[in-house]
């Protein structure tokens, strides 16, 4: 398994950052590489990401501690697991994503990881964490719902670029996806990122009914 980590510091209190980060279904509205997050039940979610090809998996919640940590592990599709930690940092929050995943394509994937795919993966992960930080910065003070942020549907988001799936579009009240079946071979967020076939993993599972302290579920 390949192991990677990325961190971003956000100018908002821990509770607000935790609540905004756990609205997973909104990720495609401000992240570049997440095409779909749909909720299957109170503990499971389905993810589709686009990083030099399409990858998908079902995930189950694991190790959630309100305002401190969320975790997940895949139960089908691309093997991966990890956690996201929320820690006070001055007047803001330090958010850290730790992830392990099985490189696609077996031995070839492992070779690619050793030759630099891991560094490329971390660059892409860091890029979408920065998109999250910008989404929080553009939300009203104390807001707990990403839909209040003016950063949603910015030009580099998967939704604005027509990269979301039909299932994701239905949850957003939109029409059929432009790119629901054809993988993208170029990163939306930065065309200079052209690494090997590695997944963009935001780092979490999800729940399906809204509940304070456990995110959008």
N, C-alpha and C. Protein backbone atom coordinates (compact mmCIF):
# COMPACT_ATOMS: atom_id res chain seq x y z
N UNK A 1 0.84 -1.20 0.00
CA UNK A 1 0.00 0.00 0.00
C UNK A 1 0.87 1.24 0.00
N UNK A 2 0.49 2.23 -0.78
CA UNK A 2 1.17 3.52 -0.78
C UNK A 2 0.56 4.40 0.30
N UNK A 3 1.38 5.17 1.01
CA UNK A 3 0.91 6.03 2.08
C UNK A 3 1.30 7.47 1.80
N UNK A 4 0.35 8.38 1.95
CA UNK A 4 0.59 9.79 1.66
C UNK A 4 -0.16 10.68 2.64
N UNK A 5 0.28 11.94 2.72
CA UNK A 5 -0.32 12.88 3.64
C UNK A 5 -0.28 14.28 3.04
N UNK A 6 -1.26 15.10 3.40
CA UNK A 6 -1.28 16.51 2.98
C UNK A 6 -1.97 17.31 4.07
N UNK A 7 -1.57 18.58 4.20
CA UNK A 7 -2.08 19.43 5.27
C UNK A 7 -2.39 20.82 4.75
N UNK A 8 -3.43 21.43 5.31
CA UNK A 8 -3.75 22.82 4.99
C UNK A 8 -4.22 23.50 6.27
N UNK A 9 -3.86 24.76 6.45
CA UNK A 9 -4.31 25.54 7.59
C UNK A 9 -5.40 26.50 7.13
N UNK A 10 -6.50 26.53 7.86
CA UNK A 10 -7.69 27.27 7.46
C UNK A 10 -8.04 28.29 8.54
N UNK A 11 -8.38 29.48 8.14
CA UNK A 11 -8.69 30.56 9.07
C UNK A 11 -10.10 30.52 9.59
N UNK A 12 -10.48 29.42 10.20
CA UNK A 12 -11.82 29.25 10.77
C UNK A 12 -11.72 28.27 11.93
N UNK A 13 -12.64 28.32 12.89
CA UNK A 13 -12.57 27.43 14.05
C UNK A 13 -12.80 25.97 13.67
N UNK A 14 -12.34 25.07 14.54
CA UNK A 14 -12.38 23.63 14.27
C UNK A 14 -13.80 23.15 13.96
N UNK A 15 -14.77 23.54 14.77
CA UNK A 15 -16.14 23.04 14.57
C UNK A 15 -16.66 23.41 13.19
N UNK A 16 -16.43 24.64 12.77
CA UNK A 16 -16.89 25.06 11.45
C UNK A 16 -16.20 24.27 10.34
N UNK A 17 -14.89 24.12 10.44
CA UNK A 17 -14.14 23.39 9.42
C UNK A 17 -14.60 21.93 9.36
N UNK A 18 -14.78 21.32 10.52
CA UNK A 18 -15.26 19.93 10.57
C UNK A 18 -16.61 19.79 9.88
N UNK A 19 -17.54 20.67 10.22
CA UNK A 19 -18.88 20.59 9.63
C UNK A 19 -18.84 20.79 8.11
N UNK A 20 -18.07 21.76 7.65
CA UNK A 20 -18.01 22.02 6.21
C UNK A 20 -17.33 20.88 5.46
N UNK A 21 -16.30 20.30 6.05
CA UNK A 21 -15.57 19.22 5.36
C UNK A 21 -16.40 17.95 5.23
N UNK A 22 -17.31 17.73 6.17
CA UNK A 22 -18.08 16.49 6.15
C UNK A 22 -19.35 16.58 5.30
N UNK A 23 -19.51 17.63 4.53
CA UNK A 23 -20.57 17.70 3.51
C UNK A 23 -20.01 17.15 2.20
N UNK A 24 -19.80 15.86 2.15
CA UNK A 24 -19.06 15.25 1.04
C UNK A 24 -19.73 15.41 -0.33
N UNK A 25 -21.05 15.39 -0.33
CA UNK A 25 -21.76 15.49 -1.61
C UNK A 25 -21.50 16.81 -2.32
N UNK A 26 -21.03 17.82 -1.57
CA UNK A 26 -20.74 19.12 -2.17
C UNK A 26 -19.33 19.20 -2.75
N UNK A 27 -18.48 18.20 -2.53
CA UNK A 27 -17.09 18.26 -3.01
C UNK A 27 -16.97 18.61 -4.49
N UNK A 28 -17.74 17.98 -5.39
CA UNK A 28 -17.57 18.31 -6.81
C UNK A 28 -17.89 19.76 -7.16
N UNK A 29 -18.55 20.48 -6.26
CA UNK A 29 -18.89 21.87 -6.52
C UNK A 29 -17.70 22.81 -6.33
N UNK A 30 -16.66 22.32 -5.61
CA UNK A 30 -15.50 23.19 -5.41
C UNK A 30 -14.17 22.47 -5.58
N UNK A 31 -14.15 21.14 -5.57
CA UNK A 31 -12.92 20.39 -5.84
C UNK A 31 -12.83 20.05 -7.32
N UNK A 32 -11.62 19.80 -7.78
CA UNK A 32 -11.39 19.59 -9.22
C UNK A 32 -11.47 18.13 -9.64
N UNK A 33 -11.09 17.20 -8.76
CA UNK A 33 -10.91 15.82 -9.18
C UNK A 33 -12.00 14.88 -8.71
N UNK A 34 -12.93 15.35 -7.89
CA UNK A 34 -14.01 14.50 -7.38
C UNK A 34 -15.24 14.66 -8.28
N UNK A 35 -15.63 13.58 -8.96
CA UNK A 35 -16.76 13.61 -9.89
C UNK A 35 -18.08 13.25 -9.23
N UNK A 36 -18.01 12.47 -8.15
CA UNK A 36 -19.25 12.04 -7.49
C UNK A 36 -18.97 11.62 -6.05
N UNK A 37 -19.85 12.04 -5.15
CA UNK A 37 -19.97 11.44 -3.82
C UNK A 37 -21.46 11.32 -3.55
N UNK A 38 -21.96 10.10 -3.54
CA UNK A 38 -23.37 9.86 -3.26
C UNK A 38 -23.48 8.95 -2.04
N UNK A 39 -24.51 9.17 -1.23
CA UNK A 39 -24.68 8.44 0.01
C UNK A 39 -25.52 7.18 -0.21
N UNK A 40 -25.04 6.05 0.27
CA UNK A 40 -25.74 4.78 0.10
C UNK A 40 -26.63 4.47 1.30
N UNK A 41 -26.15 4.77 2.50
CA UNK A 41 -26.93 4.64 3.73
C UNK A 41 -26.22 5.45 4.81
N UNK A 42 -26.57 5.21 6.07
CA UNK A 42 -26.01 6.03 7.15
C UNK A 42 -24.51 5.85 7.35
N UNK A 43 -23.93 4.80 6.79
CA UNK A 43 -22.51 4.53 7.01
C UNK A 43 -21.70 4.40 5.72
N UNK A 44 -22.34 4.31 4.58
CA UNK A 44 -21.65 4.02 3.33
C UNK A 44 -21.86 5.12 2.28
N UNK A 45 -20.87 5.28 1.42
CA UNK A 45 -20.96 6.26 0.34
C UNK A 45 -20.22 5.74 -0.89
N UNK A 46 -20.56 6.30 -2.03
CA UNK A 46 -19.92 5.91 -3.30
C UNK A 46 -19.14 7.10 -3.84
N UNK A 47 -17.89 6.85 -4.23
CA UNK A 47 -16.99 7.90 -4.72
C UNK A 47 -16.55 7.61 -6.14
N UNK A 48 -16.48 8.64 -6.98
CA UNK A 48 -15.89 8.56 -8.32
C UNK A 48 -14.94 9.74 -8.45
N UNK A 49 -13.68 9.46 -8.81
CA UNK A 49 -12.70 10.53 -8.96
C UNK A 49 -12.06 10.43 -10.34
N UNK A 50 -11.49 11.55 -10.78
CA UNK A 50 -10.91 11.62 -12.12
C UNK A 50 -9.50 12.20 -12.03
N UNK A 51 -8.51 11.32 -12.06
CA UNK A 51 -7.11 11.74 -12.09
C UNK A 51 -6.41 10.86 -13.13
N UNK A 52 -6.26 11.39 -14.33
CA UNK A 52 -5.70 10.62 -15.45
C UNK A 52 -6.42 9.28 -15.55
N UNK A 53 -7.73 9.32 -15.64
CA UNK A 53 -8.56 8.13 -15.67
C UNK A 53 -9.55 8.16 -14.52
N UNK A 54 -10.58 7.36 -14.62
CA UNK A 54 -11.63 7.34 -13.61
C UNK A 54 -11.44 6.18 -12.66
N UNK A 55 -11.59 6.45 -11.35
CA UNK A 55 -11.49 5.43 -10.30
C UNK A 55 -12.69 5.59 -9.38
N UNK A 56 -13.20 4.47 -8.87
CA UNK A 56 -14.34 4.56 -7.98
C UNK A 56 -14.31 3.48 -6.92
N UNK A 57 -15.04 3.73 -5.83
CA UNK A 57 -15.10 2.77 -4.73
C UNK A 57 -16.28 3.10 -3.84
N UNK A 58 -16.69 2.12 -3.03
CA UNK A 58 -17.64 2.32 -1.95
C UNK A 58 -16.85 2.37 -0.65
N UNK A 59 -17.22 3.27 0.25
CA UNK A 59 -16.50 3.45 1.50
C UNK A 59 -17.45 3.35 2.68
N UNK A 60 -16.90 2.96 3.84
CA UNK A 60 -17.66 2.90 5.07
C UNK A 60 -16.97 3.79 6.11
N UNK A 61 -17.76 4.46 6.93
CA UNK A 61 -17.22 5.30 7.98
C UNK A 61 -16.39 4.47 8.96
N UNK A 62 -15.35 5.09 9.52
CA UNK A 62 -14.50 4.37 10.46
C UNK A 62 -13.77 5.38 11.35
N UNK A 63 -13.92 5.24 12.67
CA UNK A 63 -13.15 6.06 13.59
C UNK A 63 -13.52 7.52 13.65
N UNK A 64 -14.82 7.84 13.60
CA UNK A 64 -15.24 9.24 13.65
C UNK A 64 -15.28 9.74 15.09
N UNK A 65 -14.69 10.92 15.33
CA UNK A 65 -14.75 11.61 16.62
C UNK A 65 -15.17 13.05 16.31
N UNK A 66 -16.36 13.48 16.70
CA UNK A 66 -16.84 14.81 16.33
C UNK A 66 -15.83 15.92 16.66
N UNK A 67 -15.63 16.79 15.68
CA UNK A 67 -14.74 17.94 15.80
C UNK A 67 -13.26 17.56 15.99
N UNK A 68 -12.93 16.30 15.80
CA UNK A 68 -11.53 15.88 15.95
C UNK A 68 -11.03 15.05 14.76
N UNK A 69 -11.83 14.10 14.32
CA UNK A 69 -11.32 13.16 13.31
C UNK A 69 -12.47 12.48 12.58
N UNK A 70 -12.25 12.20 11.29
CA UNK A 70 -13.12 11.30 10.53
C UNK A 70 -12.22 10.28 9.84
N UNK A 71 -12.75 9.09 9.60
CA UNK A 71 -11.97 8.05 8.94
C UNK A 71 -12.85 7.23 8.02
N UNK A 72 -12.22 6.43 7.17
CA UNK A 72 -12.95 5.61 6.20
C UNK A 72 -12.07 4.44 5.76
N UNK A 73 -12.72 3.46 5.16
CA UNK A 73 -12.03 2.38 4.46
C UNK A 73 -12.94 1.92 3.32
N UNK A 74 -12.34 1.57 2.21
CA UNK A 74 -13.13 1.11 1.08
C UNK A 74 -13.60 -0.31 1.31
N UNK A 75 -14.77 -0.64 0.80
CA UNK A 75 -15.31 -2.00 0.90
C UNK A 75 -15.52 -2.60 -0.48
N UNK A 76 -15.34 -1.80 -1.52
CA UNK A 76 -15.47 -2.27 -2.89
C UNK A 76 -14.78 -1.26 -3.80
N UNK A 77 -14.22 -1.72 -4.90
CA UNK A 77 -13.53 -0.83 -5.81
C UNK A 77 -12.09 -0.61 -5.41
N UNK A 78 -11.55 0.56 -5.70
CA UNK A 78 -10.15 0.87 -5.42
C UNK A 78 -9.85 0.71 -3.93
N UNK A 79 -8.91 -0.16 -3.55
CA UNK A 79 -8.60 -0.34 -2.13
C UNK A 79 -7.93 0.90 -1.55
N UNK A 80 -8.52 1.49 -0.52
CA UNK A 80 -7.93 2.65 0.14
C UNK A 80 -8.54 2.83 1.51
N UNK A 81 -7.85 3.56 2.38
CA UNK A 81 -8.34 3.87 3.71
C UNK A 81 -7.58 5.09 4.22
N UNK A 82 -8.07 5.68 5.30
CA UNK A 82 -7.35 6.81 5.85
C UNK A 82 -8.15 7.57 6.88
N UNK A 83 -7.64 8.75 7.22
CA UNK A 83 -8.29 9.59 8.22
C UNK A 83 -8.02 11.05 7.92
N UNK A 84 -8.86 11.92 8.50
CA UNK A 84 -8.70 13.36 8.41
C UNK A 84 -8.76 13.90 9.83
N UNK A 85 -7.73 14.64 10.24
CA UNK A 85 -7.67 15.19 11.59
C UNK A 85 -7.89 16.71 11.56
N UNK A 86 -8.58 17.20 12.58
CA UNK A 86 -8.88 18.62 12.72
C UNK A 86 -8.28 19.10 14.04
N UNK A 87 -7.29 19.99 13.97
CA UNK A 87 -6.58 20.43 15.17
C UNK A 87 -6.53 21.95 15.23
N UNK A 88 -6.74 22.53 16.43
CA UNK A 88 -6.62 23.99 16.56
C UNK A 88 -5.22 24.46 16.16
N UNK A 89 -5.17 25.60 15.48
CA UNK A 89 -3.89 26.19 15.07
C UNK A 89 -4.03 27.70 15.16
N UNK A 90 -3.56 28.28 16.27
CA UNK A 90 -3.78 29.70 16.48
C UNK A 90 -5.26 29.99 16.53
N UNK A 91 -5.73 30.91 15.68
CA UNK A 91 -7.16 31.21 15.61
C UNK A 91 -7.85 30.41 14.51
N UNK A 92 -7.14 29.47 13.90
CA UNK A 92 -7.69 28.68 12.82
C UNK A 92 -7.63 27.19 13.10
N UNK A 93 -7.61 26.41 12.02
CA UNK A 93 -7.64 24.95 12.11
C UNK A 93 -6.61 24.34 11.17
N UNK A 94 -5.89 23.38 11.67
CA UNK A 94 -4.96 22.60 10.85
C UNK A 94 -5.65 21.30 10.46
N UNK A 95 -5.84 21.09 9.16
CA UNK A 95 -6.52 19.90 8.65
C UNK A 95 -5.47 19.01 7.98
N UNK A 96 -5.41 17.75 8.41
CA UNK A 96 -4.42 16.82 7.87
C UNK A 96 -5.10 15.57 7.35
N UNK A 97 -4.83 15.22 6.10
CA UNK A 97 -5.36 14.00 5.49
C UNK A 97 -4.23 12.98 5.40
N UNK A 98 -4.45 11.79 5.97
CA UNK A 98 -3.54 10.66 5.83
C UNK A 98 -4.26 9.57 5.06
N UNK A 99 -3.64 9.04 4.03
CA UNK A 99 -4.31 8.05 3.18
C UNK A 99 -3.37 6.95 2.74
N UNK A 100 -3.92 5.76 2.68
CA UNK A 100 -3.22 4.60 2.12
C UNK A 100 -4.07 4.06 0.98
N UNK A 101 -3.44 3.69 -0.12
CA UNK A 101 -4.20 3.10 -1.22
C UNK A 101 -3.32 2.12 -1.98
N UNK A 102 -3.97 1.20 -2.65
CA UNK A 102 -3.28 0.22 -3.48
C UNK A 102 -3.12 0.83 -4.87
N UNK A 103 -1.89 1.08 -5.33
CA UNK A 103 -1.71 1.69 -6.65
C UNK A 103 -2.40 0.87 -7.73
N UNK A 104 -3.16 1.52 -8.63
CA UNK A 104 -3.82 0.80 -9.72
C UNK A 104 -2.80 0.08 -10.60
N UNK A 105 -3.24 -0.93 -11.31
CA UNK A 105 -2.42 -1.67 -12.28
C UNK A 105 -1.38 -2.57 -11.64
N UNK A 106 -1.59 -2.96 -10.38
CA UNK A 106 -0.73 -3.96 -9.76
C UNK A 106 0.73 -3.57 -9.72
N UNK A 107 1.59 -4.45 -10.24
CA UNK A 107 3.03 -4.23 -10.19
C UNK A 107 3.42 -2.96 -10.94
N UNK A 108 2.78 -2.70 -12.06
CA UNK A 108 3.09 -1.48 -12.81
C UNK A 108 2.76 -0.24 -11.98
N UNK A 109 1.67 -0.33 -11.24
CA UNK A 109 1.31 0.78 -10.37
C UNK A 109 2.32 0.98 -9.26
N UNK A 110 2.83 -0.10 -8.70
CA UNK A 110 3.83 -0.01 -7.64
C UNK A 110 5.12 0.60 -8.18
N UNK A 111 5.48 0.22 -9.40
CA UNK A 111 6.68 0.79 -10.02
C UNK A 111 6.49 2.29 -10.25
N UNK A 112 5.29 2.64 -10.75
CA UNK A 112 5.01 4.04 -10.98
C UNK A 112 5.05 4.85 -9.70
N UNK A 113 4.57 4.26 -8.61
CA UNK A 113 4.62 4.92 -7.31
C UNK A 113 6.06 5.21 -6.92
N UNK A 114 6.92 4.23 -7.10
CA UNK A 114 8.34 4.38 -6.74
C UNK A 114 9.04 5.41 -7.62
N UNK A 115 8.56 5.58 -8.84
CA UNK A 115 9.21 6.50 -9.78
C UNK A 115 8.65 7.92 -9.72
N UNK A 116 7.75 8.19 -8.78
CA UNK A 116 7.28 9.56 -8.62
C UNK A 116 5.78 9.75 -8.63
N UNK A 117 5.01 8.67 -8.83
CA UNK A 117 3.55 8.82 -8.83
C UNK A 117 3.04 9.32 -7.48
N UNK A 118 3.71 8.90 -6.40
CA UNK A 118 3.30 9.33 -5.07
C UNK A 118 3.40 10.84 -4.90
N UNK A 119 4.49 11.42 -5.39
CA UNK A 119 4.65 12.87 -5.30
C UNK A 119 3.57 13.59 -6.08
N UNK A 120 3.22 13.05 -7.24
CA UNK A 120 2.17 13.65 -8.07
C UNK A 120 0.82 13.55 -7.36
N UNK A 121 0.57 12.40 -6.74
CA UNK A 121 -0.68 12.22 -5.99
C UNK A 121 -0.80 13.27 -4.89
N UNK A 122 0.29 13.49 -4.14
CA UNK A 122 0.24 14.46 -3.05
C UNK A 122 0.03 15.88 -3.57
N UNK A 123 0.58 16.20 -4.72
CA UNK A 123 0.35 17.53 -5.31
C UNK A 123 -1.13 17.72 -5.62
N UNK A 124 -1.75 16.69 -6.16
CA UNK A 124 -3.16 16.80 -6.52
C UNK A 124 -4.04 16.87 -5.26
N UNK A 125 -3.69 16.05 -4.25
CA UNK A 125 -4.42 16.09 -3.00
C UNK A 125 -4.30 17.47 -2.35
N UNK A 126 -3.08 18.02 -2.34
CA UNK A 126 -2.87 19.34 -1.76
C UNK A 126 -3.67 20.41 -2.51
N UNK A 127 -3.76 20.25 -3.82
CA UNK A 127 -4.49 21.23 -4.63
C UNK A 127 -5.97 21.28 -4.24
N UNK A 128 -6.58 20.12 -4.04
CA UNK A 128 -7.99 20.12 -3.69
C UNK A 128 -8.21 20.52 -2.24
N UNK A 129 -7.25 20.26 -1.35
CA UNK A 129 -7.37 20.79 0.01
C UNK A 129 -7.34 22.32 -0.01
N UNK A 130 -6.54 22.87 -0.91
CA UNK A 130 -6.51 24.33 -1.04
C UNK A 130 -7.85 24.86 -1.56
N UNK A 131 -8.47 24.11 -2.48
CA UNK A 131 -9.81 24.50 -2.94
C UNK A 131 -10.78 24.51 -1.76
N UNK A 132 -10.65 23.52 -0.86
CA UNK A 132 -11.51 23.48 0.32
C UNK A 132 -11.28 24.72 1.18
N UNK A 133 -10.00 25.06 1.41
CA UNK A 133 -9.69 26.23 2.22
C UNK A 133 -10.29 27.50 1.61
N UNK A 134 -10.24 27.61 0.29
CA UNK A 134 -10.80 28.79 -0.37
C UNK A 134 -12.33 28.80 -0.27
N UNK A 135 -12.93 27.62 -0.30
CA UNK A 135 -14.38 27.55 -0.12
C UNK A 135 -14.77 28.04 1.26
N UNK A 136 -14.01 27.62 2.30
CA UNK A 136 -14.31 28.07 3.66
C UNK A 136 -14.13 29.59 3.77
N UNK A 137 -13.07 30.11 3.19
CA UNK A 137 -12.79 31.54 3.26
C UNK A 137 -13.90 32.37 2.62
N UNK A 138 -14.57 31.80 1.62
CA UNK A 138 -15.62 32.52 0.90
C UNK A 138 -17.00 32.30 1.50
N UNK A 139 -17.07 31.55 2.60
CA UNK A 139 -18.34 31.32 3.28
C UNK A 139 -18.55 32.38 4.37
N UNK A 140 -19.79 32.69 4.73
CA UNK A 140 -20.04 33.64 5.81
C UNK A 140 -19.44 33.16 7.12
N UNK A 141 -19.08 34.06 8.00
CA UNK A 141 -18.52 33.71 9.30
C UNK A 141 -19.46 32.78 10.05
N UNK A 142 -18.93 31.64 10.50
CA UNK A 142 -19.72 30.69 11.27
C UNK A 142 -20.59 29.76 10.44
N UNK A 143 -20.58 29.89 9.13
CA UNK A 143 -21.43 29.04 8.27
C UNK A 143 -21.04 27.58 8.40
N UNK A 144 -22.04 26.69 8.40
CA UNK A 144 -21.79 25.26 8.54
C UNK A 144 -22.22 24.47 7.30
N UNK A 145 -22.66 25.15 6.26
CA UNK A 145 -23.13 24.51 5.03
C UNK A 145 -22.36 25.09 3.84
N UNK A 146 -21.66 24.25 3.06
CA UNK A 146 -20.90 24.76 1.92
C UNK A 146 -21.72 25.54 0.91
N UNK A 147 -23.04 25.29 0.86
CA UNK A 147 -23.86 25.99 -0.14
C UNK A 147 -23.93 27.49 0.13
N UNK A 148 -23.48 27.93 1.30
CA UNK A 148 -23.46 29.36 1.61
C UNK A 148 -22.22 30.05 1.05
N UNK A 149 -21.27 29.29 0.52
CA UNK A 149 -20.00 29.85 0.04
C UNK A 149 -20.09 30.31 -1.41
N UNK A 150 -19.55 31.48 -1.67
CA UNK A 150 -19.54 32.00 -3.04
C UNK A 150 -18.50 31.31 -3.91
N UNK A 151 -17.69 30.44 -3.32
CA UNK A 151 -16.65 29.75 -4.08
C UNK A 151 -17.20 28.54 -4.84
N UNK A 152 -18.41 28.09 -4.52
CA UNK A 152 -18.99 26.94 -5.20
C UNK A 152 -19.12 27.21 -6.69
N UNK A 153 -18.88 26.17 -7.49
CA UNK A 153 -18.98 26.22 -8.95
C UNK A 153 -17.98 27.20 -9.58
N UNK A 154 -16.84 27.40 -8.91
CA UNK A 154 -15.78 28.19 -9.54
C UNK A 154 -15.28 27.46 -10.79
N UNK A 155 -14.56 28.13 -11.65
CA UNK A 155 -14.23 27.61 -12.97
C UNK A 155 -13.45 26.32 -12.99
N UNK A 156 -12.67 26.02 -11.93
CA UNK A 156 -11.87 24.80 -11.91
C UNK A 156 -12.58 23.64 -11.22
N UNK A 157 -13.78 23.85 -10.72
CA UNK A 157 -14.50 22.77 -10.04
C UNK A 157 -14.97 21.72 -11.04
N UNK A 158 -15.10 20.49 -10.58
CA UNK A 158 -15.56 19.41 -11.45
C UNK A 158 -16.96 19.69 -11.98
N UNK A 159 -17.83 20.25 -11.14
CA UNK A 159 -19.19 20.53 -11.57
C UNK A 159 -19.22 21.58 -12.67
N UNK A 160 -18.46 22.67 -12.50
CA UNK A 160 -18.45 23.73 -13.51
C UNK A 160 -17.84 23.26 -14.81
N UNK A 161 -16.91 22.30 -14.72
CA UNK A 161 -16.23 21.80 -15.91
C UNK A 161 -17.00 20.67 -16.60
N UNK A 162 -18.16 20.29 -16.07
CA UNK A 162 -18.96 19.24 -16.68
C UNK A 162 -18.38 17.85 -16.49
N UNK A 163 -17.63 17.63 -15.40
CA UNK A 163 -16.99 16.35 -15.16
C UNK A 163 -17.73 15.46 -14.17
N UNK A 164 -18.84 15.93 -13.64
CA UNK A 164 -19.59 15.15 -12.67
C UNK A 164 -20.40 14.05 -13.35
N UNK A 165 -20.75 13.01 -12.56
CA UNK A 165 -21.53 11.90 -13.08
C UNK A 165 -23.01 12.23 -13.08
N UNK A 166 -23.79 11.39 -13.76
CA UNK A 166 -25.24 11.57 -13.78
C UNK A 166 -25.82 11.49 -12.38
N UNK A 167 -25.34 10.52 -11.58
CA UNK A 167 -25.84 10.37 -10.21
C UNK A 167 -25.55 11.62 -9.39
N UNK A 168 -24.34 12.19 -9.54
CA UNK A 168 -24.00 13.41 -8.81
C UNK A 168 -24.88 14.57 -9.27
N UNK A 169 -25.08 14.69 -10.57
CA UNK A 169 -25.90 15.78 -11.09
C UNK A 169 -27.33 15.71 -10.58
N UNK A 170 -27.85 14.51 -10.43
CA UNK A 170 -29.21 14.36 -9.92
C UNK A 170 -29.31 14.87 -8.49
N UNK A 171 -28.28 14.65 -7.67
CA UNK A 171 -28.32 15.14 -6.30
C UNK A 171 -28.20 16.66 -6.25
N UNK A 172 -27.65 17.27 -7.30
CA UNK A 172 -27.49 18.72 -7.35
C UNK A 172 -28.61 19.39 -8.14
N UNK A 173 -29.60 18.60 -8.61
CA UNK A 173 -30.69 19.15 -9.36
C UNK A 173 -30.28 19.65 -10.73
N UNK A 174 -29.25 19.02 -11.31
CA UNK A 174 -28.74 19.43 -12.62
C UNK A 174 -29.12 18.41 -13.67
N UNK A 175 -28.83 18.72 -14.93
CA UNK A 175 -29.13 17.84 -16.05
C UNK A 175 -28.11 16.73 -16.16
N UNK A 176 -28.17 15.93 -17.23
CA UNK A 176 -27.23 14.83 -17.43
C UNK A 176 -25.79 15.32 -17.43
N UNK A 177 -24.91 14.45 -16.94
CA UNK A 177 -23.49 14.80 -16.89
C UNK A 177 -22.91 14.89 -18.28
N UNK A 178 -22.01 15.84 -18.48
CA UNK A 178 -21.30 15.96 -19.76
C UNK A 178 -20.29 14.85 -19.92
N UNK A 179 -19.72 14.41 -18.78
CA UNK A 179 -18.60 13.46 -18.84
C UNK A 179 -18.85 12.30 -17.89
N UNK A 180 -20.04 11.69 -17.97
CA UNK A 180 -20.40 10.67 -17.00
C UNK A 180 -19.77 9.32 -17.30
N UNK A 181 -19.27 9.10 -18.52
CA UNK A 181 -18.70 7.80 -18.85
C UNK A 181 -17.28 7.88 -19.38
N UNK A 182 -16.88 9.02 -19.94
CA UNK A 182 -15.57 9.11 -20.56
C UNK A 182 -14.55 9.69 -19.60
N UNK A 183 -13.47 8.95 -19.27
CA UNK A 183 -12.46 9.46 -18.34
C UNK A 183 -11.77 10.68 -18.92
N UNK A 184 -11.34 11.56 -18.02
CA UNK A 184 -10.56 12.71 -18.44
C UNK A 184 -9.09 12.37 -18.42
N UNK A 185 -8.32 12.86 -19.39
CA UNK A 185 -6.89 12.59 -19.40
C UNK A 185 -6.10 13.82 -19.01
N UNK A 186 -6.80 14.90 -18.65
CA UNK A 186 -6.13 16.14 -18.24
C UNK A 186 -6.75 16.66 -16.98
N UNK A 187 -5.95 17.05 -16.01
CA UNK A 187 -6.44 17.60 -14.77
C UNK A 187 -7.16 18.92 -15.04
N UNK A 188 -8.32 19.10 -14.39
CA UNK A 188 -9.06 20.34 -14.54
C UNK A 188 -8.36 21.47 -13.79
N UNK A 189 -7.88 21.18 -12.58
CA UNK A 189 -7.35 22.24 -11.73
C UNK A 189 -6.05 22.82 -12.26
N UNK A 190 -5.24 21.97 -12.92
CA UNK A 190 -3.94 22.46 -13.37
C UNK A 190 -3.47 21.57 -14.50
N UNK A 191 -3.51 22.04 -15.72
CA UNK A 191 -3.16 21.23 -16.87
C UNK A 191 -1.71 20.80 -16.84
N UNK A 192 -0.89 21.44 -15.97
CA UNK A 192 0.51 21.05 -15.88
C UNK A 192 0.68 19.77 -15.07
N UNK A 193 -0.39 19.37 -14.33
CA UNK A 193 -0.32 18.13 -13.57
C UNK A 193 -0.70 16.99 -14.50
N UNK A 194 0.26 16.23 -14.92
CA UNK A 194 -0.01 15.16 -15.89
C UNK A 194 0.65 13.88 -15.47
N UNK A 195 0.48 13.53 -14.18
CA UNK A 195 1.16 12.37 -13.62
C UNK A 195 0.52 11.08 -14.05
N UNK A 196 0.98 9.96 -13.48
CA UNK A 196 0.51 8.62 -13.83
C UNK A 196 -0.89 8.36 -13.31
N UNK A 197 -1.39 7.19 -13.58
CA UNK A 197 -2.76 6.84 -13.28
C UNK A 197 -2.90 6.55 -11.79
N UNK A 198 -3.04 7.60 -11.00
CA UNK A 198 -3.21 7.47 -9.57
C UNK A 198 -4.48 8.16 -9.17
N UNK A 199 -5.13 7.70 -8.05
CA UNK A 199 -6.42 8.25 -7.69
C UNK A 199 -6.31 9.52 -6.90
N UNK A 200 -7.27 10.42 -7.10
CA UNK A 200 -7.44 11.56 -6.22
C UNK A 200 -8.40 11.13 -5.14
N UNK A 201 -7.94 11.00 -3.90
CA UNK A 201 -8.78 10.55 -2.81
C UNK A 201 -8.92 11.66 -1.79
N UNK A 202 -10.09 12.21 -1.62
CA UNK A 202 -10.27 13.29 -0.68
C UNK A 202 -10.12 12.88 0.76
N UNK A 203 -10.38 11.63 1.04
CA UNK A 203 -10.05 11.19 2.35
C UNK A 203 -11.18 10.75 3.24
N UNK A 204 -12.43 10.58 2.75
CA UNK A 204 -13.46 10.23 3.69
C UNK A 204 -14.57 9.39 3.11
N UNK A 205 -15.34 8.79 4.03
CA UNK A 205 -16.62 8.21 3.70
C UNK A 205 -17.67 9.25 4.04
N UNK A 206 -18.96 8.84 4.14
CA UNK A 206 -19.99 9.82 4.42
C UNK A 206 -21.20 9.17 5.04
N UNK A 207 -22.13 9.98 5.52
CA UNK A 207 -23.41 9.51 6.03
C UNK A 207 -24.53 10.18 5.27
N UNK A 208 -25.76 9.72 5.47
CA UNK A 208 -26.82 10.11 4.54
C UNK A 208 -27.89 11.03 5.10
N UNK A 209 -27.88 11.35 6.40
CA UNK A 209 -28.86 12.28 6.94
C UNK A 209 -28.16 13.35 7.72
N UNK A 210 -28.60 14.60 7.65
CA UNK A 210 -27.93 15.70 8.32
C UNK A 210 -28.02 15.50 9.82
N UNK A 211 -26.88 15.71 10.49
CA UNK A 211 -26.84 15.60 11.95
C UNK A 211 -25.71 16.45 12.45
N UNK A 212 -26.00 17.30 13.38
CA UNK A 212 -24.97 18.19 13.92
C UNK A 212 -23.88 17.36 14.55
N UNK A 213 -22.61 17.68 14.19
CA UNK A 213 -21.46 17.00 14.76
C UNK A 213 -21.01 15.81 13.97
N UNK A 214 -21.80 15.36 12.98
CA UNK A 214 -21.37 14.22 12.18
C UNK A 214 -21.38 14.53 10.71
N UNK A 215 -21.52 15.79 10.36
CA UNK A 215 -21.45 16.21 8.96
C UNK A 215 -22.74 16.02 8.24
N UNK A 216 -22.72 16.27 6.94
CA UNK A 216 -23.90 16.05 6.09
C UNK A 216 -24.00 14.59 5.84
N UNK A 217 -25.09 13.98 6.27
CA UNK A 217 -25.19 12.54 6.22
C UNK A 217 -26.45 12.09 5.52
